[in-house]
Amino acid sequence: MPLFAVLSIALSVAVFAWVLRPIWREKPSLGIAVSLACAAASLGLYRLVGAPAALDPNALRAPETMAEAVAVLERKMAEAPDREGVMLLADAYGKLGKDIEARDAWERALSMASADAPAQPSELVAAAEARMRAGGERRFDERAVGYLQDALKRDPQHQRARFFMGLALRQQGKAADAAAMWEPLLTQLDAANAKTLREEVAAARDEAGLPPLAPPLPPPSPDAASSAGVRVAVSLDPDFAARVRLRGDATVFVIARAPDGPPMPVAVEKHSVSALPLQVVLDDGDSPMPTAKLSALREVELIARLSDSGNAMRQDGDLESKPVRVALPAKDRVELVLGAP
């Protein structure tokens, strides 16, 4: 028995002995029995309504390992669960490799969400990942896919949600859809991760019988960045791409024109829609007319146009990005998004 408990019992006996001293004078044996009985009753009552764990010196020691911290959190969540604590526990299970426990904890955390405090996209993605890891075949089941879809509805740009959704689509044999889900990420990731994902996209496109991706452009040289050329990145809005099936022979035009002049371009490049997302550098070499040079302008308006007809002149049904006006020479890359709201 802990020293604290022994001292507590001894003190209780002493107190009751003092209070019951008249009985001790007349009947010592009865006084001892009553004092011990009262002390035992006090200890039993404390164990029922008090905090008996506080009598354990181990409960006063700070956890020294991850496993000990998880054990403490488990006890707290068993006694008084709250959503934040359950999510911490789910995350800890995942770090310890307890995949089944992590899955169940995330399910519990999601069940505690409410209209006032709904599940966030990152929580839905974590729950989907936990379900995948807990499965014997490491596959995203129907519920996990539902979590990913819900996360993307709330945040179409969520990178982990898009990455895992691409994996789920690939597992379902939907290689083309997986590639379309992954491709917008290529311009958002750092070079190392983009290279790895690009290999997955290439494999998915090959499996789906789609043409290969255009090779990534090399980084511009300092001379190119300081010239009159302008770097442009063109991508599809993820939500638009998820809703619309584009024709494989559609054309993307990247156009620079004078902001307040005629609509004729001073520089234009033509690419296949399969090359999206793409990066280009518009300069004087892209001018359709030798007399109108990009370098002659102080400002330029940039747009991207998606055309089913392949005609450089705008046609009914063509889709254009929001125009962006920049001063020349432009040092920063300009982002154009087709289908953005």
Protein backbone atom coordinates (compact mmCIF):
# COMPACT_ATOMS: atom_id res chain seq x y z
CA MET A 1 0.00 0.00 0.00
CA PRO A 2 1.40 3.49 -0.84
CA LEU A 3 2.90 5.42 2.05
CA PHE A 4 0.38 8.22 1.56
CA ALA A 5 -2.51 5.81 2.05
CA VAL A 6 -0.92 4.31 5.20
CA LEU A 7 -0.42 7.78 6.72
CA SER A 8 -3.99 8.72 5.82
CA ILE A 9 -5.36 5.64 7.61
CA ALA A 10 -3.18 6.26 10.68
CA LEU A 11 -4.30 9.89 10.84
CA SER A 12 -7.94 8.83 10.53
CA VAL A 13 -7.57 6.34 13.36
CA ALA A 14 -5.96 9.00 15.55
CA VAL A 15 -8.73 11.51 14.86
CA PHE A 16 -11.48 9.01 15.58
CA ALA A 17 -9.67 7.86 18.72
CA TRP A 18 -9.63 11.45 20.00
CA VAL A 19 -13.28 12.02 19.19
CA LEU A 20 -14.27 8.69 20.79
CA ARG A 21 -12.09 9.10 23.89
CA PRO A 22 -15.06 8.76 26.33
CA ILE A 23 -15.68 5.27 24.97
CA TRP A 24 -11.96 4.46 25.23
CA ARG A 25 -12.01 5.25 28.98
CA GLU A 26 -14.93 2.98 29.75
CA LYS A 27 -14.50 0.27 27.06
CA PRO A 28 -11.04 0.40 25.39
CA SER A 29 -11.69 -2.59 23.12
CA LEU A 30 -14.90 -1.07 21.80
CA GLY A 31 -13.15 2.26 21.24
CA ILE A 32 -10.45 0.61 19.12
CA ALA A 33 -13.01 -1.30 17.06
CA VAL A 34 -15.17 1.77 16.42
CA SER A 35 -12.13 3.92 15.44
CA LEU A 36 -10.88 1.31 12.97
CA ALA A 37 -14.36 0.83 11.53
CA CYS A 38 -14.78 4.58 10.98
CA ALA A 39 -11.37 4.84 9.32
CA ALA A 40 -12.17 1.92 7.01
CA ALA A 41 -15.52 3.44 6.15
CA SER A 42 -13.87 6.78 5.30
CA LEU A 43 -11.36 5.07 3.02
CA GLY A 44 -14.09 3.09 1.30
CA LEU A 45 -16.21 6.20 0.76
CA TYR A 46 -13.22 8.03 -0.75
CA ARG A 47 -12.65 5.18 -3.20
CA LEU A 48 -16.28 5.40 -4.27
CA VAL A 49 -16.69 9.15 -4.72
CA GLY A 50 -13.16 10.57 -4.55
CA ALA A 51 -10.10 10.19 -6.77
CA PRO A 52 -8.48 6.93 -5.68
CA ALA A 53 -6.05 7.08 -8.61
CA ALA A 54 -4.46 10.03 -6.80
CA LEU A 55 -3.30 7.59 -4.13
CA ASP A 56 -1.12 5.88 -6.75
CA PRO A 57 2.29 7.63 -6.93
CA ASN A 58 2.61 6.49 -10.58
CA ALA A 59 -0.34 8.75 -11.41
CA LEU A 60 1.67 11.76 -10.28
CA ARG A 61 4.64 10.96 -12.55
CA ALA A 62 4.77 12.56 -15.98
CA PRO A 63 4.69 10.07 -18.91
CA GLU A 64 8.15 9.28 -20.17
CA THR A 65 7.26 7.43 -23.38
CA MET A 66 4.70 7.72 -26.16
CA ALA A 67 3.04 4.51 -24.96
CA GLU A 68 2.66 5.89 -21.42
CA ALA A 69 1.20 9.15 -22.75
CA VAL A 70 -1.30 7.18 -24.85
CA ALA A 71 -2.28 5.11 -21.81
CA VAL A 72 -2.98 8.30 -19.83
CA LEU A 73 -5.02 9.72 -22.72
CA GLU A 74 -6.94 6.44 -23.04
CA ARG A 75 -7.97 6.64 -19.40
CA LYS A 76 -9.05 10.25 -19.74
CA MET A 77 -11.09 9.55 -22.89
CA ALA A 78 -12.74 6.56 -21.19
CA GLU A 79 -13.80 8.76 -18.26
CA ALA A 80 -14.67 12.03 -20.02
CA PRO A 81 -14.34 11.83 -23.81
CA ASP A 82 -14.11 14.95 -25.94
CA ARG A 83 -13.63 15.26 -29.69
CA GLU A 84 -10.24 16.97 -29.53
CA GLY A 85 -8.87 14.32 -27.18
CA VAL A 86 -10.20 11.47 -29.31
CA MET A 87 -8.50 12.97 -32.39
CA LEU A 88 -5.23 13.25 -30.48
CA LEU A 89 -5.61 9.62 -29.49
CA ALA A 90 -6.32 8.59 -33.11
CA ASP A 91 -3.23 10.45 -34.30
CA ALA A 92 -1.11 8.84 -31.57
CA TYR A 93 -2.36 5.35 -32.51
CA GLY A 94 -1.32 6.03 -36.09
CA LYS A 95 2.18 7.09 -35.05
CA LEU A 96 2.51 3.92 -32.97
CA GLY A 97 1.44 1.74 -35.91
CA LYS A 98 -1.82 0.70 -34.21
CA ASP A 99 -3.80 0.93 -37.42
CA ILE A 100 -7.03 -0.70 -36.25
CA GLU A 101 -7.15 1.40 -33.09
CA ALA A 102 -6.44 4.52 -35.18
CA ARG A 103 -9.27 3.67 -37.57
CA ASP A 104 -11.74 3.14 -34.73
CA ALA A 105 -10.67 6.32 -32.94
CA TRP A 106 -11.11 8.40 -36.10
CA GLU A 107 -14.56 6.89 -36.61
CA ARG A 108 -15.39 7.87 -33.03
CA ALA A 109 -14.08 11.40 -33.57
CA LEU A 110 -16.13 11.88 -36.76
CA SER A 111 -19.25 10.64 -34.97
CA MET A 112 -18.73 13.42 -32.42
CA ALA A 113 -18.82 16.14 -35.11
CA SER A 114 -21.86 18.39 -35.21
CA ALA A 115 -23.47 21.06 -37.37
CA ASP A 116 -21.77 23.72 -35.24
CA ALA A 117 -18.41 21.93 -35.35
CA PRO A 118 -18.34 19.84 -38.57
CA ALA A 119 -15.46 17.57 -39.53
CA GLN A 120 -12.68 19.43 -41.32
CA PRO A 121 -11.20 18.19 -44.63
CA SER A 122 -7.92 17.22 -42.93
CA GLU A 123 -9.85 15.11 -40.40
CA LEU A 124 -11.81 13.34 -43.16
CA VAL A 125 -8.57 12.62 -45.03
CA ALA A 126 -6.93 11.26 -41.87
CA ALA A 127 -9.94 9.00 -41.27
CA ALA A 128 -9.79 7.73 -44.86
CA GLU A 129 -6.06 7.05 -44.58
CA ALA A 130 -6.59 5.19 -41.28
CA ARG A 131 -9.23 2.97 -42.89
CA MET A 132 -6.88 2.23 -45.78
CA ARG A 133 -3.99 1.31 -43.47
CA ALA A 134 -6.20 -0.86 -41.24
CA GLY A 135 -7.36 -2.93 -44.20
CA GLY A 136 -5.46 -6.08 -45.02
CA GLU A 137 -4.98 -5.08 -48.68
CA ARG A 138 -4.31 -1.39 -47.99
CA ARG A 139 -7.24 -0.33 -50.17
CA PHE A 140 -9.65 2.58 -49.79
CA ASP A 141 -13.04 1.05 -49.06
CA GLU A 142 -16.37 2.66 -49.90
CA ARG A 143 -16.54 4.62 -46.66
CA ALA A 144 -12.97 5.91 -47.06
CA VAL A 145 -13.73 7.07 -50.62
CA GLY A 146 -16.81 8.86 -49.27
CA TYR A 147 -14.63 10.69 -46.76
CA LEU A 148 -12.25 11.79 -49.53
CA GLN A 149 -15.11 12.97 -51.73
CA ASP A 150 -16.54 14.96 -48.83
CA ALA A 151 -13.13 16.51 -48.14
CA LEU A 152 -12.74 17.57 -51.79
CA LYS A 153 -16.21 19.10 -51.83
CA ARG A 154 -15.19 21.28 -48.90
CA ASP A 155 -11.69 22.03 -50.20
CA PRO A 156 -11.04 21.14 -53.87
CA GLN A 157 -7.40 22.23 -53.48
CA HIS A 158 -6.63 19.89 -50.56
CA GLN A 159 -3.45 18.16 -51.71
CA ARG A 160 -3.62 15.01 -49.56
CA ALA A 161 -7.29 14.52 -50.43
CA ARG A 162 -6.51 14.75 -54.17
CA PHE A 163 -3.51 12.44 -53.83
CA PHE A 164 -5.42 9.75 -51.93
CA MET A 165 -8.45 10.11 -54.20
CA GLY A 166 -6.15 9.47 -57.16
CA LEU A 167 -4.88 6.32 -55.45
CA ALA A 168 -8.45 5.18 -54.80
CA LEU A 169 -9.43 5.76 -58.43
CA ARG A 170 -6.35 3.83 -59.59
CA GLN A 171 -7.31 0.94 -57.29
CA GLN A 172 -10.76 0.95 -58.91
CA GLY A 173 -9.20 0.62 -62.36
CA LYS A 174 -10.05 4.21 -63.32
CA ALA A 175 -6.58 5.16 -64.51
CA ALA A 176 -7.68 8.16 -66.62
CA ASP A 177 -9.64 9.63 -63.72
CA ALA A 178 -6.67 9.05 -61.41
CA ALA A 179 -4.35 10.92 -63.77
CA ALA A 180 -6.82 13.81 -64.04
CA MET A 181 -7.07 13.93 -60.25
CA TRP A 182 -3.28 14.04 -59.82
CA GLU A 183 -2.21 16.35 -62.65
CA PRO A 184 -3.23 19.65 -60.98
CA LEU A 185 -0.86 18.77 -58.13
CA LEU A 186 2.19 18.78 -60.38
CA THR A 187 2.43 22.58 -60.35
CA GLN A 188 1.81 22.76 -56.59
CA LEU A 189 4.50 20.39 -55.29
CA ASP A 190 8.20 20.91 -54.82
CA ALA A 191 10.54 19.51 -57.47
CA ALA A 192 11.29 16.20 -55.72
CA ASN A 193 7.65 15.31 -54.94
CA ALA A 194 6.47 16.55 -58.33
CA LYS A 195 8.98 14.23 -60.02
CA THR A 196 7.67 11.22 -58.08
CA LEU A 197 4.04 12.08 -58.75
CA ARG A 198 4.79 12.74 -62.41
CA GLU A 199 5.95 9.12 -62.71
CA GLU A 200 2.63 7.95 -61.22
CA VAL A 201 0.69 10.19 -63.59
CA ALA A 202 2.68 8.86 -66.56
CA ALA A 203 1.95 5.26 -65.52
CA ALA A 204 -1.76 6.00 -65.11
CA ARG A 205 -1.97 7.76 -68.48
CA ASP A 206 -0.17 4.87 -70.15
CA GLU A 207 -2.56 2.39 -68.51
CA ALA A 208 -5.53 4.43 -69.74
CA GLY A 209 -4.13 4.65 -73.29
CA LEU A 210 -3.67 8.43 -73.06
CA PRO A 211 -0.76 10.28 -74.70
CA PRO A 212 2.21 10.95 -72.42
CA LEU A 213 2.61 14.18 -70.54
CA ALA A 214 4.67 16.90 -72.14
CA PRO A 215 8.12 17.02 -70.52
CA PRO A 216 8.48 19.67 -67.82
CA LEU A 217 10.09 22.89 -68.89
CA PRO A 218 13.56 23.58 -67.55
CA PRO A 219 13.77 26.45 -65.08
CA PRO A 220 14.27 29.76 -66.85
CA SER A 221 17.75 31.21 -66.97
CA PRO A 222 18.43 34.55 -65.31
CA ASP A 223 18.71 36.11 -68.77
CA ALA A 224 15.28 34.82 -69.75
CA ALA A 225 13.73 36.12 -66.53
CA SER A 226 15.10 39.58 -67.17
CA SER A 227 14.08 39.75 -70.84
CA ALA A 228 10.72 40.84 -72.24
CA GLY A 229 9.51 37.24 -72.18
CA VAL A 230 6.89 36.25 -69.62
CA ARG A 231 6.50 32.86 -67.93
CA VAL A 232 2.96 31.52 -67.85
CA ALA A 233 1.53 28.47 -66.06
CA VAL A 234 -1.83 27.15 -67.27
CA SER A 235 -3.93 24.67 -65.32
CA LEU A 236 -7.50 23.43 -65.00
CA ASP A 237 -9.59 24.33 -61.99
CA PRO A 238 -9.81 21.02 -60.00
CA ASP A 239 -13.55 21.32 -59.40
CA PHE A 240 -14.17 22.06 -63.08
CA ALA A 241 -11.95 19.15 -64.14
CA ALA A 242 -13.87 16.80 -61.85
CA ARG A 243 -17.22 17.83 -63.39
CA VAL A 244 -16.38 18.08 -67.09
CA ARG A 245 -15.02 15.48 -69.49
CA LEU A 246 -12.84 17.32 -72.02
CA ARG A 247 -12.30 16.18 -75.58
CA GLY A 248 -8.89 14.64 -76.09
CA ASP A 249 -8.32 16.67 -79.27
CA ALA A 250 -9.18 20.02 -77.68
CA THR A 251 -6.61 22.81 -77.97
CA VAL A 252 -5.23 25.25 -75.43
CA PHE A 253 -4.03 28.65 -76.63
CA VAL A 254 -1.84 30.80 -74.38
CA ILE A 255 -2.23 34.38 -75.58
CA ALA A 256 -0.59 37.72 -74.88
CA ARG A 257 -2.19 40.87 -76.28
CA ALA A 258 -2.02 44.61 -75.83
CA PRO A 259 -4.32 45.59 -72.92
CA ASP A 260 -5.93 48.55 -74.64
CA GLY A 261 -5.27 47.72 -78.27
CA PRO A 262 -6.78 45.39 -80.89
CA PRO A 263 -7.70 41.84 -79.85
CA MET A 264 -5.01 40.34 -82.10
CA PRO A 265 -2.33 38.55 -80.06
CA VAL A 266 1.23 39.80 -79.93
CA ALA A 267 2.35 36.32 -78.80
CA VAL A 268 0.56 32.99 -78.82
CA GLU A 269 1.37 29.33 -78.25
CA LYS A 270 -0.80 26.35 -79.11
CA HIS A 271 -0.84 23.13 -77.06
CA SER A 272 -2.94 20.00 -76.69
CA VAL A 273 -5.31 19.83 -73.72
CA SER A 274 -3.50 16.63 -72.71
CA ALA A 275 -0.44 18.77 -71.91
CA LEU A 276 -2.23 20.48 -69.01
CA PRO A 277 -1.00 21.58 -66.59
CA LEU A 278 1.68 23.30 -68.67
CA GLN A 279 4.24 26.06 -68.42
CA VAL A 280 5.36 28.24 -71.31
CA VAL A 281 7.50 31.30 -71.92
CA LEU A 282 5.92 33.80 -74.31
CA ASP A 283 8.41 36.05 -76.09
CA ASP A 284 9.03 37.72 -79.46
CA GLY A 285 9.50 34.32 -81.08
CA ASP A 286 5.80 33.58 -80.46
CA SER A 287 4.57 36.66 -82.31
CA PRO A 288 2.25 35.84 -85.24
CA MET A 289 3.15 39.18 -86.90
CA PRO A 290 6.71 40.42 -87.30
CA THR A 291 5.56 44.02 -86.94
CA ALA A 292 3.94 43.44 -83.49
CA LYS A 293 6.47 42.35 -80.88
CA LEU A 294 5.87 41.49 -77.25
CA SER A 295 9.05 43.36 -76.30
CA ALA A 296 7.58 46.58 -77.67
CA LEU A 297 4.87 46.67 -74.97
CA ARG A 298 5.12 48.07 -71.47
CA GLU A 299 2.11 46.06 -70.31
CA VAL A 300 0.50 42.89 -71.59
CA GLU A 301 -2.77 41.07 -70.96
CA LEU A 302 -2.53 37.31 -70.70
CA ILE A 303 -5.30 34.74 -71.17
CA ALA A 304 -5.61 31.00 -71.78
CA ARG A 305 -8.31 29.72 -74.12
CA LEU A 306 -9.67 26.19 -74.38
CA SER A 307 -10.98 25.53 -77.89
CA ASP A 308 -12.78 22.48 -79.25
CA SER A 309 -12.43 23.77 -82.83
CA GLY A 310 -8.67 24.36 -82.68
CA ASN A 311 -9.22 27.80 -84.23
CA ALA A 312 -7.08 30.58 -82.77
CA MET A 313 -9.95 33.04 -83.27
CA ARG A 314 -12.47 32.90 -80.45
CA GLN A 315 -15.52 30.72 -81.19
CA ASP A 316 -18.81 30.19 -79.38
CA GLY A 317 -18.32 27.63 -76.63
CA ASP A 318 -14.64 28.42 -76.07
CA LEU A 319 -13.54 28.64 -72.45
CA GLU A 320 -11.20 31.42 -71.34
CA SER A 321 -9.33 32.05 -68.12
CA LYS A 322 -9.66 35.34 -66.32
CA PRO A 323 -7.31 37.83 -68.01
CA VAL A 324 -4.25 38.94 -66.06
CA ARG A 325 -2.47 42.22 -66.79
CA VAL A 326 1.26 42.42 -66.02
CA ALA A 327 4.00 44.96 -66.55
CA LEU A 328 6.99 44.06 -68.70
CA PRO A 329 9.58 42.83 -68.12
CA ALA A 330 7.83 40.34 -65.82
CA LYS A 331 9.97 38.51 -63.28
CA ASP A 332 7.25 36.40 -61.66
CA ARG A 333 5.36 33.54 -63.27
CA VAL A 334 1.72 34.30 -64.16
CA GLU A 335 -0.90 31.72 -63.20
CA LEU A 336 -3.88 31.21 -65.52
CA VAL A 337 -6.66 28.82 -64.46
CA LEU A 338 -9.24 27.50 -66.93
CA GLY A 339 -12.72 26.91 -65.54
CA ALA A 340 -12.14 28.87 -62.32
CA PRO A 341 -15.34 30.42 -60.90
